[in-house]
Amino acid sequence: MTIDIGIPAQNRQQIAEGLSRLLADSYTLYLKTHNYHWNVTGPMFNTLHTMFEAQYTELAAAVDEIAERIRALDHPAPGSYKAFAKLTSIEEEEGAPSAEEMIKKLVLGQEAVARTAREVFPLADEAHDEPTADLLTQRMQVHEKNAWMLRSMLQS
């Protein structure tokens, strides 16, 4: 069946492409955060281990919501490491940096996801795609708050 939700095909495609970048950024940040959860060491171990778990758990739910919105717009959601690597703006992590470096890299990752969501927002707004705009607003709020909390751990 042809989709007819009041958003023209060209707009749906542009929005889906933007959401695919958001999905790739979110999934890459999920992997990085999970890696850090497993490998963090040092005096802040318990605090960071717990914080990272809360953040990657939230991201796991978010990637599903983003992918389902792409599908609701009648486009395939990317779902492979190869596809995510092409789309993401977040550098993949190899190894286990110090706890402080983990925090710094996660700040950068959280801010990158917020920027990607912000870049897609005008497309959704112009197309009167309120469900996508709502999703993007929620993502920006989560990532900006997480970045702030992580940055706060770096201040003495």
C-alpha atoms as a PDB file:
ATOM      1  CA  MET A   1       0.000   0.000   0.000  1.00  0.00           C
ATOM      2  CA  THR A   2       1.053   3.559  -0.661  1.00  0.00           C
ATOM      3  CA  ILE A   3       1.788   5.614   2.443  1.00  0.00           C
ATOM      4  CA  ASP A   4      -0.321   8.752   2.902  1.00  0.00           C
ATOM      5  CA  ILE A   5       0.393  10.382   6.259  1.00  0.00           C
ATOM      6  CA  GLY A   6       0.378  13.963   5.009  1.00  0.00           C
ATOM      7  CA  ILE A   7       4.135  14.255   4.496  1.00  0.00           C
ATOM      8  CA  PRO A   8       5.338  14.287   0.875  1.00  0.00           C
ATOM      9  CA  ALA A   9       7.687  11.490  -0.230  1.00  0.00           C
ATOM     10  CA  GLN A  10      10.662  13.827  -0.728  1.00  0.00           C
ATOM     11  CA  ASN A  11      10.289  15.229   2.792  1.00  0.00           C
ATOM     12  CA  ARG A  12       9.930  11.742   4.273  1.00  0.00           C
ATOM     13  CA  GLN A  13      13.118  10.675   2.505  1.00  0.00           C
ATOM     14  CA  GLN A  14      15.113  13.677   3.768  1.00  0.00           C
ATOM     15  CA  ILE A  15      13.833  13.180   7.301  1.00  0.00           C
ATOM     16  CA  ALA A  16      14.559   9.431   7.172  1.00  0.00           C
ATOM     17  CA  GLU A  17      18.104  10.131   5.969  1.00  0.00           C
ATOM     18  CA  GLY A  18      18.625  12.542   8.864  1.00  0.00           C
ATOM     19  CA  LEU A  19      17.151  10.067  11.324  1.00  0.00           C
ATOM     20  CA  SER A  20      19.471   7.398   9.907  1.00  0.00           C
ATOM     21  CA  ARG A  21      22.445   9.603  10.833  1.00  0.00           C
ATOM     22  CA  LEU A  22      20.918  10.087  14.293  1.00  0.00           C
ATOM     23  CA  LEU A  23      20.462   6.328  14.606  1.00  0.00           C
ATOM     24  CA  ALA A  24      24.084   5.716  13.599  1.00  0.00           C
ATOM     25  CA  ASP A  25      25.363   8.319  16.073  1.00  0.00           C
ATOM     26  CA  SER A  26      23.166   6.933  18.836  1.00  0.00           C
ATOM     27  CA  TYR A  27      24.224   3.343  18.205  1.00  0.00           C
ATOM     28  CA  THR A  28      27.904   4.260  18.039  1.00  0.00           C
ATOM     29  CA  LEU A  29      27.577   6.193  21.308  1.00  0.00           C
ATOM     30  CA  TYR A  30      25.740   3.204  22.806  1.00  0.00           C
ATOM     31  CA  LEU A  31      28.670   0.913  21.904  1.00  0.00           C
ATOM     32  CA  LYS A  32      31.246   3.370  23.220  1.00  0.00           C
ATOM     33  CA  THR A  33      29.356   3.857  26.478  1.00  0.00           C
ATOM     34  CA  HIS A  34      28.895   0.107  26.951  1.00  0.00           C
ATOM     35  CA  ASN A  35      32.618  -0.440  26.298  1.00  0.00           C
ATOM     36  CA  TYR A  36      33.464   2.146  28.939  1.00  0.00           C
ATOM     37  CA  HIS A  37      31.005   0.575  31.399  1.00  0.00           C
ATOM     38  CA  TRP A  38      32.863  -2.721  31.056  1.00  0.00           C
ATOM     39  CA  ASN A  39      36.364  -1.261  31.155  1.00  0.00           C
ATOM     40  CA  VAL A  40      36.330   1.737  33.506  1.00  0.00           C
ATOM     41  CA  THR A  41      38.786   1.599  36.406  1.00  0.00           C
ATOM     42  CA  GLY A  42      39.990   3.922  39.126  1.00  0.00           C
ATOM     43  CA  PRO A  43      38.650   5.803  42.135  1.00  0.00           C
ATOM     44  CA  MET A  44      35.384   6.750  40.374  1.00  0.00           C
ATOM     45  CA  PHE A  45      34.745   3.167  39.229  1.00  0.00           C
ATOM     46  CA  ASN A  46      31.396   2.620  40.942  1.00  0.00           C
ATOM     47  CA  THR A  47      29.997   6.038  40.055  1.00  0.00           C
ATOM     48  CA  LEU A  48      31.052   5.801  36.408  1.00  0.00           C
ATOM     49  CA  HIS A  49      30.140   2.131  36.025  1.00  0.00           C
ATOM     50  CA  THR A  50      26.611   2.930  37.236  1.00  0.00           C
ATOM     51  CA  MET A  51      26.308   6.160  35.217  1.00  0.00           C
ATOM     52  CA  PHE A  52      27.514   4.523  32.014  1.00  0.00           C
ATOM     53  CA  GLU A  53      25.021   1.678  32.491  1.00  0.00           C
ATOM     54  CA  ALA A  54      22.139   4.132  32.854  1.00  0.00           C
ATOM     55  CA  GLN A  55      23.260   5.973  29.728  1.00  0.00           C
ATOM     56  CA  TYR A  56      23.726   2.926  27.505  1.00  0.00           C
ATOM     57  CA  THR A  57      20.411   1.471  28.699  1.00  0.00           C
ATOM     58  CA  GLU A  58      18.658   4.702  27.711  1.00  0.00           C
ATOM     59  CA  LEU A  59      20.445   4.675  24.349  1.00  0.00           C
ATOM     60  CA  ALA A  60      19.359   1.072  23.701  1.00  0.00           C
ATOM     61  CA  ALA A  61      15.723   2.149  23.987  1.00  0.00           C
ATOM     62  CA  ALA A  62      16.361   5.283  21.922  1.00  0.00           C
ATOM     63  CA  VAL A  63      17.833   3.452  18.929  1.00  0.00           C
ATOM     64  CA  ASP A  64      14.670   1.370  18.726  1.00  0.00           C
ATOM     65  CA  GLU A  65      12.458   4.475  18.777  1.00  0.00           C
ATOM     66  CA  ILE A  66      14.548   6.174  16.097  1.00  0.00           C
ATOM     67  CA  ALA A  67      14.560   3.093  13.850  1.00  0.00           C
ATOM     68  CA  GLU A  68      10.799   2.663  14.257  1.00  0.00           C
ATOM     69  CA  ARG A  69      10.231   6.302  13.267  1.00  0.00           C
ATOM     70  CA  ILE A  70      12.302   5.755  10.123  1.00  0.00           C
ATOM     71  CA  ARG A  71      10.113   2.744   9.324  1.00  0.00           C
ATOM     72  CA  ALA A  72       6.924   4.745  10.019  1.00  0.00           C
ATOM     73  CA  LEU A  73       8.148   7.166   7.343  1.00  0.00           C
ATOM     74  CA  ASP A  74       8.288   4.153   4.982  1.00  0.00           C
ATOM     75  CA  HIS A  75      12.072   3.916   4.693  1.00  0.00           C
ATOM     76  CA  PRO A  76      14.427   1.114   5.711  1.00  0.00           C
ATOM     77  CA  ALA A  77      16.401   1.716   8.893  1.00  0.00           C
ATOM     78  CA  PRO A  78      20.145   1.052   8.702  1.00  0.00           C
ATOM     79  CA  GLY A  79      21.078  -1.870  10.896  1.00  0.00           C
ATOM     80  CA  SER A  80      24.666  -2.940  10.344  1.00  0.00           C
ATOM     81  CA  TYR A  81      28.006  -1.826  11.711  1.00  0.00           C
ATOM     82  CA  LYS A  82      29.079  -1.068   8.148  1.00  0.00           C
ATOM     83  CA  ALA A  83      26.073   1.208   7.572  1.00  0.00           C
ATOM     84  CA  PHE A  84      26.507   2.909  10.933  1.00  0.00           C
ATOM     85  CA  ALA A  85      30.228   3.475  10.267  1.00  0.00           C
ATOM     86  CA  LYS A  86      29.357   5.316   7.034  1.00  0.00           C
ATOM     87  CA  LEU A  87      26.695   7.473   8.696  1.00  0.00           C
ATOM     88  CA  THR A  88      28.037   8.298  12.150  1.00  0.00           C
ATOM     89  CA  SER A  89      29.890  11.443  13.161  1.00  0.00           C
ATOM     90  CA  ILE A  90      31.220   9.754  16.319  1.00  0.00           C
ATOM     91  CA  GLU A  91      34.643   8.152  16.339  1.00  0.00           C
ATOM     92  CA  GLU A  92      34.610   4.489  17.305  1.00  0.00           C
ATOM     93  CA  GLU A  93      36.602   3.600  20.418  1.00  0.00           C
ATOM     94  CA  GLU A  94      39.271   0.961  20.486  1.00  0.00           C
ATOM     95  CA  GLY A  95      40.808   0.029  23.780  1.00  0.00           C
ATOM     96  CA  ALA A  96      40.127   1.426  27.209  1.00  0.00           C
ATOM     97  CA  PRO A  97      41.263   5.006  27.925  1.00  0.00           C
ATOM     98  CA  SER A  98      41.544   6.407  31.430  1.00  0.00           C
ATOM     99  CA  ALA A  99      38.333   7.209  33.295  1.00  0.00           C
ATOM    100  CA  GLU A 100      38.849  10.934  32.725  1.00  0.00           C
ATOM    101  CA  GLU A 101      39.393  10.389  28.987  1.00  0.00           C
ATOM    102  CA  MET A 102      36.257   8.243  28.886  1.00  0.00           C
ATOM    103  CA  ILE A 103      34.260  11.094  30.392  1.00  0.00           C
ATOM    104  CA  LYS A 104      35.707  13.612  27.920  1.00  0.00           C
ATOM    105  CA  LYS A 105      34.998  11.352  24.943  1.00  0.00           C
ATOM    106  CA  LEU A 106      31.452  10.718  26.114  1.00  0.00           C
ATOM    107  CA  VAL A 107      30.858  14.474  26.453  1.00  0.00           C
ATOM    108  CA  LEU A 108      31.931  14.830  22.823  1.00  0.00           C
ATOM    109  CA  GLY A 109      29.684  11.934  21.820  1.00  0.00           C
ATOM    110  CA  GLN A 110      26.648  13.240  23.687  1.00  0.00           C
ATOM    111  CA  GLU A 111      27.134  16.671  22.108  1.00  0.00           C
ATOM    112  CA  ALA A 112      27.533  15.115  18.645  1.00  0.00           C
ATOM    113  CA  VAL A 113      24.206  13.296  18.954  1.00  0.00           C
ATOM    114  CA  ALA A 114      22.514  16.507  20.117  1.00  0.00           C
ATOM    115  CA  ARG A 115      23.952  18.356  17.098  1.00  0.00           C
ATOM    116  CA  THR A 116      22.761  15.675  14.692  1.00  0.00           C
ATOM    117  CA  ALA A 117      19.251  15.814  16.165  1.00  0.00           C
ATOM    118  CA  ARG A 118      19.309  19.605  15.894  1.00  0.00           C
ATOM    119  CA  GLU A 119      20.357  19.392  12.222  1.00  0.00           C
ATOM    120  CA  VAL A 120      17.390  17.149  11.390  1.00  0.00           C
ATOM    121  CA  PHE A 121      14.853  19.247  13.309  1.00  0.00           C
ATOM    122  CA  PRO A 122      14.288  21.920  10.595  1.00  0.00           C
ATOM    123  CA  LEU A 123      13.433  19.188   8.082  1.00  0.00           C
ATOM    124  CA  ALA A 124      10.787  17.761  10.399  1.00  0.00           C
ATOM    125  CA  ASP A 125       9.499  21.214  11.305  1.00  0.00           C
ATOM    126  CA  GLU A 126       9.194  22.317   7.674  1.00  0.00           C
ATOM    127  CA  ALA A 127       7.267  19.120   6.801  1.00  0.00           C
ATOM    128  CA  HIS A 128       4.960  19.502   9.837  1.00  0.00           C
ATOM    129  CA  ASP A 129       6.234  16.140  11.053  1.00  0.00           C
ATOM    130  CA  GLU A 130       5.375  16.599  14.713  1.00  0.00           C
ATOM    131  CA  PRO A 131       6.148  13.011  15.789  1.00  0.00           C
ATOM    132  CA  THR A 132       9.709  13.320  14.464  1.00  0.00           C
ATOM    133  CA  ALA A 133      10.064  16.828  15.919  1.00  0.00           C
ATOM    134  CA  ASP A 134       8.952  15.476  19.312  1.00  0.00           C
ATOM    135  CA  LEU A 135      11.423  12.593  19.094  1.00  0.00           C
ATOM    136  CA  LEU A 136      14.243  14.967  18.162  1.00  0.00           C
ATOM    137  CA  THR A 137      13.373  17.351  21.003  1.00  0.00           C
ATOM    138  CA  GLN A 138      13.471  14.480  23.482  1.00  0.00           C
ATOM    139  CA  ARG A 139      16.816  13.279  22.126  1.00  0.00           C
ATOM    140  CA  MET A 140      18.342  16.759  22.369  1.00  0.00           C
ATOM    141  CA  GLN A 141      17.155  17.098  25.965  1.00  0.00           C
ATOM    142  CA  VAL A 142      18.638  13.746  26.993  1.00  0.00           C
ATOM    143  CA  HIS A 143      21.984  14.286  25.300  1.00  0.00           C
ATOM    144  CA  GLU A 144      22.428  17.876  26.430  1.00  0.00           C
ATOM    145  CA  LYS A 145      21.667  16.837  30.024  1.00  0.00           C
ATOM    146  CA  ASN A 146      24.056  13.869  29.833  1.00  0.00           C
ATOM    147  CA  ALA A 147      26.803  16.076  28.399  1.00  0.00           C
ATOM    148  CA  TRP A 148      26.303  18.573  31.220  1.00  0.00           C
ATOM    149  CA  MET A 149      26.428  15.846  33.884  1.00  0.00           C
ATOM    150  CA  LEU A 150      29.565  14.323  32.397  1.00  0.00           C
ATOM    151  CA  ARG A 151      31.258  17.745  32.020  1.00  0.00           C
ATOM    152  CA  SER A 152      30.430  18.466  35.668  1.00  0.00           C
ATOM    153  CA  MET A 153      32.501  15.443  36.699  1.00  0.00           C
ATOM    154  CA  LEU A 154      35.556  17.016  35.084  1.00  0.00           C
ATOM    155  CA  GLN A 155      35.365  20.244  37.070  1.00  0.00           C
ATOM    156  CA  SER A 156      37.259  20.522  40.325  1.00  0.00           C
END
